[in-house]
PDB file of all heavy atoms in Angstrom:
ATOM      1  N   ARG A   1      98.648 105.673 115.714  1.00  0.00           N
ATOM      2  CA  ARG A   1      98.083 106.458 116.797  1.00  0.00           C
ATOM      3  C   ARG A   1      98.329 105.772 118.137  1.00  0.00           C
ATOM      4  O   ARG A   1      98.167 104.557 118.268  1.00  0.00           O
ATOM      5  CB  ARG A   1      96.575 106.641 116.580  1.00  0.00           C
ATOM      6  CG  ARG A   1      96.230 107.515 115.375  1.00  0.00           C
ATOM      7  CD  ARG A   1      96.712 108.944 115.575  1.00  0.00           C
ATOM      8  NE  ARG A   1      96.332 109.802 114.437  1.00  0.00           N
ATOM      9  CZ  ARG A   1      96.721 111.061 114.300  1.00  0.00           C
ATOM     10  NH1 ARG A   1      97.512 111.606 115.219  1.00  0.00           N
ATOM     11  NH2 ARG A   1      96.337 111.769 113.253  1.00  0.00           N
ATOM     12  N   ALA A   2      98.736 106.574 119.129  1.00  0.00           N
ATOM     13  CA  ALA A   2      98.954 106.038 120.479  1.00  0.00           C
ATOM     14  C   ALA A   2      97.646 105.423 121.008  1.00  0.00           C
ATOM     15  O   ALA A   2      96.564 105.953 120.736  1.00  0.00           O
ATOM     16  CB  ALA A   2      99.418 107.157 121.409  1.00  0.00           C
ATOM     17  N   PRO A   3      97.724 104.311 121.701  1.00  0.00           N
ATOM     18  CA  PRO A   3      98.925 103.597 122.165  1.00  0.00           C
ATOM     19  C   PRO A   3      99.327 102.439 121.257  1.00  0.00           C
ATOM     20  O   PRO A   3     100.009 101.520 121.684  1.00  0.00           O
ATOM     21  CB  PRO A   3      98.481 103.082 123.522  1.00  0.00           C
ATOM     22  CG  PRO A   3      97.031 102.716 123.301  1.00  0.00           C
ATOM     23  CD  PRO A   3      96.501 103.737 122.329  1.00  0.00           C
ATOM     24  N   HIS A   4      98.899 102.476 119.973  1.00  0.00           N
ATOM     25  CA  HIS A   4      99.066 101.313 119.099  1.00  0.00           C
ATOM     26  C   HIS A   4     100.407 101.285 118.365  1.00  0.00           C
ATOM     27  O   HIS A   4     100.653 100.379 117.578  1.00  0.00           O
ATOM     28  CB  HIS A   4      97.925 101.279 118.074  1.00  0.00           C
ATOM     29  CG  HIS A   4      96.562 101.192 118.689  1.00  0.00           C
ATOM     30  ND1 HIS A   4      96.089 100.047 119.297  1.00  0.00           N
ATOM     31  CD2 HIS A   4      95.592 102.128 118.830  1.00  0.00           C
ATOM     32  CE1 HIS A   4      94.871 100.270 119.762  1.00  0.00           C
ATOM     33  NE2 HIS A   4      94.544 101.528 119.502  1.00  0.00           N
ATOM     34  N   SER A   5     101.268 102.261 118.609  1.00  0.00           N
ATOM     35  CA  SER A   5     102.574 102.275 117.954  1.00  0.00           C
ATOM     36  C   SER A   5     103.604 101.513 118.773  1.00  0.00           C
ATOM     37  O   SER A   5     103.354 101.138 119.924  1.00  0.00           O
ATOM     38  CB  SER A   5     103.048 103.716 117.764  1.00  0.00           C
ATOM     39  OG  SER A   5     103.325 104.308 119.027  1.00  0.00           O
ATOM     40  N   TYR A   6     104.779 101.307 118.195  1.00  0.00           N
ATOM     41  CA  TYR A   6     105.876 100.626 118.886  1.00  0.00           C
ATOM     42  C   TYR A   6     106.288 101.381 120.138  1.00  0.00           C
ATOM     43  O   TYR A   6     106.547 100.790 121.195  1.00  0.00           O
ATOM     44  CB  TYR A   6     107.058 100.492 117.923  1.00  0.00           C
ATOM     45  CG  TYR A   6     108.306  99.874 118.512  1.00  0.00           C
ATOM     46  CD1 TYR A   6     108.353  98.520 118.836  1.00  0.00           C
ATOM     47  CD2 TYR A   6     109.449 100.640 118.738  1.00  0.00           C
ATOM     48  CE1 TYR A   6     109.490  97.942 119.372  1.00  0.00           C
ATOM     49  CE2 TYR A   6     110.597 100.081 119.268  1.00  0.00           C
ATOM     50  CZ  TYR A   6     110.614  98.726 119.577  1.00  0.00           C
ATOM     51  OH  TYR A   6     111.752  98.155 120.116  1.00  0.00           O
ATOM     52  N   THR A   7     106.328 102.720 120.035  1.00  0.00           N
ATOM     53  CA  THR A   7     106.776 103.535 121.164  1.00  0.00           C
ATOM     54  C   THR A   7     105.657 103.855 122.143  1.00  0.00           C
ATOM     55  O   THR A   7     105.920 104.320 123.248  1.00  0.00           O
ATOM     56  CB  THR A   7     107.367 104.865 120.669  1.00  0.00           C
ATOM     57  OG1 THR A   7     106.330 105.618 120.019  1.00  0.00           O
ATOM     58  CG2 THR A   7     108.521 104.636 119.706  1.00  0.00           C
ATOM     59  N   GLY A   8     104.396 103.647 121.729  1.00  0.00           N
ATOM     60  CA  GLY A   8     103.270 104.041 122.565  1.00  0.00           C
ATOM     61  C   GLY A   8     102.866 105.489 122.347  1.00  0.00           C
ATOM     62  O   GLY A   8     101.975 106.003 123.027  1.00  0.00           O
ATOM     63  N   GLU A   9     103.511 106.167 121.388  1.00  0.00           N
ATOM     64  CA  GLU A   9     103.222 107.562 121.069  1.00  0.00           C
ATOM     65  C   GLU A   9     102.672 107.657 119.648  1.00  0.00           C
ATOM     66  O   GLU A   9     102.771 106.712 118.867  1.00  0.00           O
ATOM     67  CB  GLU A   9     104.500 108.411 121.166  1.00  0.00           C
ATOM     68  CG  GLU A   9     105.200 108.320 122.508  1.00  0.00           C
ATOM     69  CD  GLU A   9     106.593 108.914 122.474  1.00  0.00           C
ATOM     70  OE1 GLU A   9     107.223 108.910 121.395  1.00  0.00           O
ATOM     71  OE2 GLU A   9     107.054 109.371 123.528  1.00  0.00           O
ATOM     72  N   ASP A  10     102.095 108.817 119.291  1.00  0.00           N
ATOM     73  CA  ASP A  10     101.738 109.060 117.897  1.00  0.00           C
ATOM     74  C   ASP A  10     103.017 109.043 117.062  1.00  0.00           C
ATOM     75  O   ASP A  10     103.997 109.725 117.385  1.00  0.00           O
ATOM     76  CB  ASP A  10     101.054 110.429 117.747  1.00  0.00           C
ATOM     77  CG  ASP A  10      99.637 110.440 118.315  1.00  0.00           C
ATOM     78  OD1 ASP A  10      99.074 109.344 118.507  1.00  0.00           O
ATOM     79  OD2 ASP A  10      99.109 111.538 118.560  1.00  0.00           O
ATOM     80  N   THR A  11     103.010 108.264 115.993  1.00  0.00           N
ATOM     81  CA  THR A  11     104.223 108.088 115.187  1.00  0.00           C
ATOM     82  C   THR A  11     103.869 108.143 113.701  1.00  0.00           C
ATOM     83  O   THR A  11     102.836 107.611 113.280  1.00  0.00           O
ATOM     84  CB  THR A  11     104.890 106.733 115.480  1.00  0.00           C
ATOM     85  OG1 THR A  11     105.137 106.621 116.883  1.00  0.00           O
ATOM     86  CG2 THR A  11     106.209 106.596 114.731  1.00  0.00           C
ATOM     87  N   ALA A  12     104.730 108.794 112.918  1.00  0.00           N
ATOM     88  CA  ALA A  12     104.574 108.834 111.467  1.00  0.00           C
ATOM     89  C   ALA A  12     105.791 108.196 110.821  1.00  0.00           C
ATOM     90  O   ALA A  12     106.926 108.375 111.278  1.00  0.00           O
ATOM     91  CB  ALA A  12     104.421 110.272 110.978  1.00  0.00           C
ATOM     92  N   GLU A  13     105.562 107.440 109.765  1.00  0.00           N
ATOM     93  CA  GLU A  13     106.662 106.772 109.063  1.00  0.00           C
ATOM     94  C   GLU A  13     106.503 107.030 107.569  1.00  0.00           C
ATOM     95  O   GLU A  13     105.445 106.773 106.989  1.00  0.00           O
ATOM     96  CB  GLU A  13     106.614 105.272 109.345  1.00  0.00           C
ATOM     97  CG  GLU A  13     107.715 104.478 108.681  1.00  0.00           C
ATOM     98  CD  GLU A  13     107.629 103.003 109.040  1.00  0.00           C
ATOM     99  OE1 GLU A  13     107.669 102.681 110.247  1.00  0.00           O
ATOM    100  OE2 GLU A  13     107.502 102.186 108.110  1.00  0.00           O
ATOM    101  N   ILE A  14     107.542 107.533 106.931  1.00  0.00           N
ATOM    102  CA  ILE A  14     107.513 107.842 105.501  1.00  0.00           C
ATOM    103  C   ILE A  14     108.316 106.792 104.749  1.00  0.00           C
ATOM    104  O   ILE A  14     109.479 106.527 105.080  1.00  0.00           O
ATOM    105  CB  ILE A  14     108.091 109.247 105.227  1.00  0.00           C
ATOM    106  CG1 ILE A  14     107.264 110.313 105.939  1.00  0.00           C
ATOM    107  CG2 ILE A  14     108.149 109.522 103.727  1.00  0.00           C
ATOM    108  CD1 ILE A  14     107.860 111.708 105.864  1.00  0.00           C
ATOM    109  N   SER A  15     107.717 106.201 103.735  1.00  0.00           N
ATOM    110  CA  SER A  15     108.404 105.241 102.863  1.00  0.00           C
ATOM    111  C   SER A  15     108.557 105.868 101.482  1.00  0.00           C
ATOM    112  O   SER A  15     107.561 106.199 100.828  1.00  0.00           O
ATOM    113  CB  SER A  15     107.603 103.936 102.754  1.00  0.00           C
ATOM    114  OG  SER A  15     107.448 103.328 104.018  1.00  0.00           O
ATOM    115  N   CYS A  16     109.818 106.065 101.055  1.00  0.00           N
ATOM    116  CA  CYS A  16     110.080 106.587  99.715  1.00  0.00           C
ATOM    117  C   CYS A  16     110.818 105.518  98.910  1.00  0.00           C
ATOM    118  O   CYS A  16     110.965 104.381  99.354  1.00  0.00           O
ATOM    119  CB  CYS A  16     110.865 107.889  99.782  1.00  0.00           C
ATOM    120  SG  CYS A  16     112.435 107.779 100.667  1.00  0.00           S
ATOM    121  N   HIS A  17     111.305 105.882  97.728  1.00  0.00           N
ATOM    122  CA  HIS A  17     111.864 104.865  96.843  1.00  0.00           C
ATOM    123  C   HIS A  17     113.244 104.368  97.249  1.00  0.00           C
ATOM    124  O   HIS A  17     113.733 103.403  96.705  1.00  0.00           O
ATOM    125  CB  HIS A  17     111.891 105.387  95.397  1.00  0.00           C
ATOM    126  CG  HIS A  17     110.548 105.313  94.745  1.00  0.00           C
ATOM    127  ND1 HIS A  17     109.787 106.425  94.503  1.00  0.00           N
ATOM    128  CD2 HIS A  17     109.820 104.252  94.333  1.00  0.00           C
ATOM    129  CE1 HIS A  17     108.643 106.060  93.931  1.00  0.00           C
ATOM    130  NE2 HIS A  17     108.635 104.748  93.822  1.00  0.00           N
ATOM    131  N   GLY A  18     113.898 105.028  98.176  1.00  0.00           N
ATOM    132  CA  GLY A  18     115.032 104.394  98.837  1.00  0.00           C
ATOM    133  C   GLY A  18     116.400 104.659  98.266  1.00  0.00           C
ATOM    134  O   GLY A  18     117.377 104.140  98.784  1.00  0.00           O
ATOM    135  N   GLY A  19     116.532 105.456  97.198  1.00  0.00           N
ATOM    136  CA  GLY A  19     117.875 105.807  96.763  1.00  0.00           C
ATOM    137  C   GLY A  19     118.571 106.646  97.817  1.00  0.00           C
ATOM    138  O   GLY A  19     117.920 107.382  98.574  1.00  0.00           O
ATOM    139  N   ILE A  20     119.889 106.571  97.867  1.00  0.00           N
ATOM    140  CA  ILE A  20     120.616 107.268  98.932  1.00  0.00           C
ATOM    141  C   ILE A  20     120.373 108.778  98.876  1.00  0.00           C
ATOM    142  O   ILE A  20     120.068 109.413  99.887  1.00  0.00           O
ATOM    143  CB  ILE A  20     122.119 106.958  98.837  1.00  0.00           C
ATOM    144  CG1 ILE A  20     122.366 105.475  99.125  1.00  0.00           C
ATOM    145  CG2 ILE A  20     122.908 107.826  99.824  1.00  0.00           C
ATOM    146  CD1 ILE A  20     123.809 105.055  98.949  1.00  0.00           C
ATOM    147  N   TYR A  21     120.462 109.365  97.685  1.00  0.00           N
ATOM    148  CA  TYR A  21     120.307 110.815  97.564  1.00  0.00           C
ATOM    149  C   TYR A  21     118.887 111.244  97.917  1.00  0.00           C
ATOM    150  O   TYR A  21     118.678 112.201  98.681  1.00  0.00           O
ATOM    151  CB  TYR A  21     120.657 111.274  96.147  1.00  0.00           C
ATOM    152  CG  TYR A  21     120.478 112.757  95.953  1.00  0.00           C
ATOM    153  CD1 TYR A  21     121.365 113.673  96.525  1.00  0.00           C
ATOM    154  CD2 TYR A  21     119.387 113.258  95.231  1.00  0.00           C
ATOM    155  CE1 TYR A  21     121.188 115.038  96.371  1.00  0.00           C
ATOM    156  CE2 TYR A  21     119.201 114.617  95.070  1.00  0.00           C
ATOM    157  CZ  TYR A  21     120.100 115.498  95.644  1.00  0.00           C
ATOM    158  OH  TYR A  21     119.919 116.856  95.503  1.00  0.00           O
ATOM    159  N   VAL A  22     117.892 110.525  97.362  1.00  0.00           N
ATOM    160  CA  VAL A  22     116.491 110.861  97.621  1.00  0.00           C
ATOM    161  C   VAL A  22     116.180 110.744  99.108  1.00  0.00           C
ATOM    162  O   VAL A  22     115.529 111.618  99.697  1.00  0.00           O
ATOM    163  CB  VAL A  22     115.549 109.946  96.806  1.00  0.00           C
ATOM    164  CG1 VAL A  22     114.106 110.139  97.238  1.00  0.00           C
ATOM    165  CG2 VAL A  22     115.694 110.216  95.327  1.00  0.00           C
ATOM    166  N   THR A  23     116.662 109.667  99.727  1.00  0.00           N
ATOM    167  CA  THR A  23     116.409 109.453 101.154  1.00  0.00           C
ATOM    168  C   THR A  23     117.002 110.586 101.986  1.00  0.00           C
ATOM    169  O   THR A  23     116.375 111.073 102.939  1.00  0.00           O
ATOM    170  CB  THR A  23     116.991 108.104 101.601  1.00  0.00           C
ATOM    171  OG1 THR A  23     116.416 107.059 100.828  1.00  0.00           O
ATOM    172  CG2 THR A  23     116.680 107.837 103.069  1.00  0.00           C
ATOM    173  N   ARG A  24     118.203 111.012 101.616  1.00  0.00           N
ATOM    174  CA  ARG A  24     118.837 112.120 102.341  1.00  0.00           C
ATOM    175  C   ARG A  24     118.039 113.414 102.189  1.00  0.00           C
ATOM    176  O   ARG A  24     117.878 114.173 103.151  1.00  0.00           O
ATOM    177  CB  ARG A  24     120.268 112.319 101.840  1.00  0.00           C
ATOM    178  CG  ARG A  24     121.249 111.277 102.351  1.00  0.00           C
ATOM    179  CD  ARG A  24     122.629 111.514 101.772  1.00  0.00           C
ATOM    180  NE  ARG A  24     123.594 110.554 102.304  1.00  0.00           N
ATOM    181  CZ  ARG A  24     124.819 110.411 101.812  1.00  0.00           C
ATOM    182  NH1 ARG A  24     125.216 111.154 100.787  1.00  0.00           N
ATOM    183  NH2 ARG A  24     125.653 109.528 102.334  1.00  0.00           N
ATOM    184  N   ARG A  25     117.529 113.666 100.988  1.00  0.00           N
ATOM    185  CA  ARG A  25     116.744 114.878 100.756  1.00  0.00           C
ATOM    186  C   ARG A  25     115.441 114.848 101.552  1.00  0.00           C
ATOM    187  O   ARG A  25     115.024 115.857 102.138  1.00  0.00           O
ATOM    188  CB  ARG A  25     116.433 115.038  99.261  1.00  0.00           C
ATOM    189  CG  ARG A  25     117.619 115.430  98.388  1.00  0.00           C
ATOM    190  CD  ARG A  25     118.116 116.848  98.698  1.00  0.00           C
ATOM    191  NE  ARG A  25     117.054 117.847  98.675  1.00  0.00           N
ATOM    192  CZ  ARG A  25     116.619 118.493  97.576  1.00  0.00           C
ATOM    193  NH1 ARG A  25     117.199 118.232  96.391  1.00  0.00           N
ATOM    194  NH2 ARG A  25     115.670 119.402  97.656  1.00  0.00           N
ATOM    195  N   VAL A  26     114.786 113.676 101.588  1.00  0.00           N
ATOM    196  CA  VAL A  26     113.541 113.547 102.348  1.00  0.00           C
ATOM    197  C   VAL A  26     113.813 113.747 103.839  1.00  0.00           C
ATOM    198  O   VAL A  26     113.068 114.442 104.538  1.00  0.00           O
ATOM    199  CB  VAL A  26     112.875 112.179 102.086  1.00  0.00           C
ATOM    200  CG1 VAL A  26     111.698 111.952 103.038  1.00  0.00           C
ATOM    201  CG2 VAL A  26     112.416 112.057 100.641  1.00  0.00           C
ATOM    202  N   LEU A  27     114.901 113.144 104.322  1.00  0.00           N
ATOM    203  CA  LEU A  27     115.268 113.296 105.730  1.00  0.00           C
ATOM    204  C   LEU A  27     115.571 114.763 106.048  1.00  0.00           C
ATOM    205  O   LEU A  27     115.149 115.298 107.086  1.00  0.00           O
ATOM    206  CB  LEU A  27     116.477 112.419 106.047  1.00  0.00           C
ATOM    207  CG  LEU A  27     116.995 112.450 107.487  1.00  0.00           C
ATOM    208  CD1 LEU A  27     115.913 111.983 108.466  1.00  0.00           C
ATOM    209  CD2 LEU A  27     118.240 111.578 107.643  1.00  0.00           C
ATOM    210  N   SER A  28     116.284 115.435 105.154  1.00  0.00           N
ATOM    211  CA  SER A  28     116.618 116.851 105.349  1.00  0.00           C
ATOM    212  C   SER A  28     115.352 117.696 105.400  1.00  0.00           C
ATOM    213  O   SER A  28     115.238 118.626 106.217  1.00  0.00           O
ATOM    214  CB  SER A  28     117.534 117.320 104.224  1.00  0.00           C
ATOM    215  OG  SER A  28     117.817 118.708 104.349  1.00  0.00           O
ATOM    216  N   ALA A  29     114.384 117.367 104.550  1.00  0.00           N
ATOM    217  CA  ALA A  29     113.121 118.105 104.535  1.00  0.00           C
ATOM    218  C   ALA A  29     112.358 117.913 105.839  1.00  0.00           C
ATOM    219  O   ALA A  29     111.736 118.851 106.359  1.00  0.00           O
ATOM    220  CB  ALA A  29     112.269 117.654 103.346  1.00  0.00           C
ATOM    221  N   CYS A  30     112.415 116.699 106.391  1.00  0.00           N
ATOM    222  CA  CYS A  30     111.749 116.421 107.671  1.00  0.00           C
ATOM    223  C   CYS A  30     112.387 117.242 108.792  1.00  0.00           C
ATOM    224  O   CYS A  30     111.690 117.779 109.658  1.00  0.00           O
ATOM    225  CB  CYS A  30     111.827 114.933 107.997  1.00  0.00           C
ATOM    226  SG  CYS A  30     110.803 113.876 106.943  1.00  0.00           S
ATOM    227  N   VAL A  31     113.725 117.339 108.781  1.00  0.00           N
ATOM    228  CA  VAL A  31     114.433 118.113 109.813  1.00  0.00           C
ATOM    229  C   VAL A  31     114.088 119.599 109.688  1.00  0.00           C
ATOM    230  O   VAL A  31     113.875 120.291 110.692  1.00  0.00           O
ATOM    231  CB  VAL A  31     115.954 117.887 109.701  1.00  0.00           C
ATOM    232  CG1 VAL A  31     116.713 118.834 110.625  1.00  0.00           C
ATOM    233  CG2 VAL A  31     116.297 116.436 110.043  1.00  0.00           C
ATOM    234  N   LYS A  32     113.989 120.085 108.434  1.00  0.00           N
ATOM    235  CA  LYS A  32     113.598 121.490 108.228  1.00  0.00           C
ATOM    236  C   LYS A  32     112.212 121.760 108.807  1.00  0.00           C
ATOM    237  O   LYS A  32     111.917 122.846 109.307  1.00  0.00           O
ATOM    238  CB  LYS A  32     113.593 121.810 106.729  1.00  0.00           C
ATOM    239  CG  LYS A  32     114.953 122.001 106.113  1.00  0.00           C
ATOM    240  CD  LYS A  32     114.789 122.354 104.641  1.00  0.00           C
ATOM    241  CE  LYS A  32     116.132 122.435 103.933  1.00  0.00           C
ATOM    242  NZ  LYS A  32     115.958 122.725 102.483  1.00  0.00           N
ATOM    243  N   ALA A  33     111.347 120.748 108.715  1.00  0.00           N
ATOM    244  CA  ALA A  33     109.966 120.898 109.192  1.00  0.00           C
ATOM    245  C   ALA A  33     109.851 120.750 110.706  1.00  0.00           C
ATOM    246  O   ALA A  33     108.761 120.895 111.253  1.00  0.00           O
ATOM    247  CB  ALA A  33     109.065 119.881 108.493  1.00  0.00           C
ATOM    248  N   GLY A  34     110.961 120.446 111.393  1.00  0.00           N
ATOM    249  CA  GLY A  34     110.941 120.392 112.852  1.00  0.00           C
ATOM    250  C   GLY A  34     111.287 119.052 113.468  1.00  0.00           C
ATOM    251  O   GLY A  34     111.350 118.935 114.697  1.00  0.00           O
ATOM    252  N   ALA A  35     111.507 118.018 112.645  1.00  0.00           N
ATOM    253  CA  ALA A  35     111.885 116.708 113.180  1.00  0.00           C
ATOM    254  C   ALA A  35     113.322 116.748 113.698  1.00  0.00           C
ATOM    255  O   ALA A  35     114.132 117.576 113.265  1.00  0.00           O
ATOM    256  CB  ALA A  35     111.740 115.631 112.114  1.00  0.00           C
ATOM    257  N   GLN A  36     113.640 115.851 114.624  1.00  0.00           N
ATOM    258  CA  GLN A  36     114.996 115.743 115.161  1.00  0.00           C
ATOM    259  C   GLN A  36     115.547 114.361 114.857  1.00  0.00           C
ATOM    260  O   GLN A  36     114.812 113.355 114.938  1.00  0.00           O
ATOM    261  CB  GLN A  36     115.013 115.969 116.668  1.00  0.00           C
ATOM    262  CG  GLN A  36     114.628 117.374 117.094  1.00  0.00           C
ATOM    263  CD  GLN A  36     114.679 117.548 118.599  1.00  0.00           C
ATOM    264  OE1 GLN A  36     114.719 116.579 119.346  1.00  0.00           O
ATOM    265  NE2 GLN A  36     114.685 118.791 119.047  1.00  0.00           N
ATOM    266  N   PRO A  37     116.840 114.258 114.507  1.00  0.00           N
ATOM    267  CA  PRO A  37     117.429 112.923 114.278  1.00  0.00           C
ATOM    268  C   PRO A  37     117.337 112.070 115.535  1.00  0.00           C
ATOM    269  O   PRO A  37     117.524 112.570 116.653  1.00  0.00           O
ATOM    270  CB  PRO A  37     118.893 113.243 113.934  1.00  0.00           C
ATOM    271  CG  PRO A  37     118.875 114.665 113.459  1.00  0.00           C
ATOM    272  CD  PRO A  37     117.802 115.346 114.254  1.00  0.00           C
TER     273      PRO A  37
END
């Protein structure tokens, strides 16, 4: 929660199991939900 993040903004960070395919799918789902690269 701002201002306690690195950027000073509200920030969310998702940690998954880290395989390349799974990570890509999670990232794709985030973009579908409105996130930007």
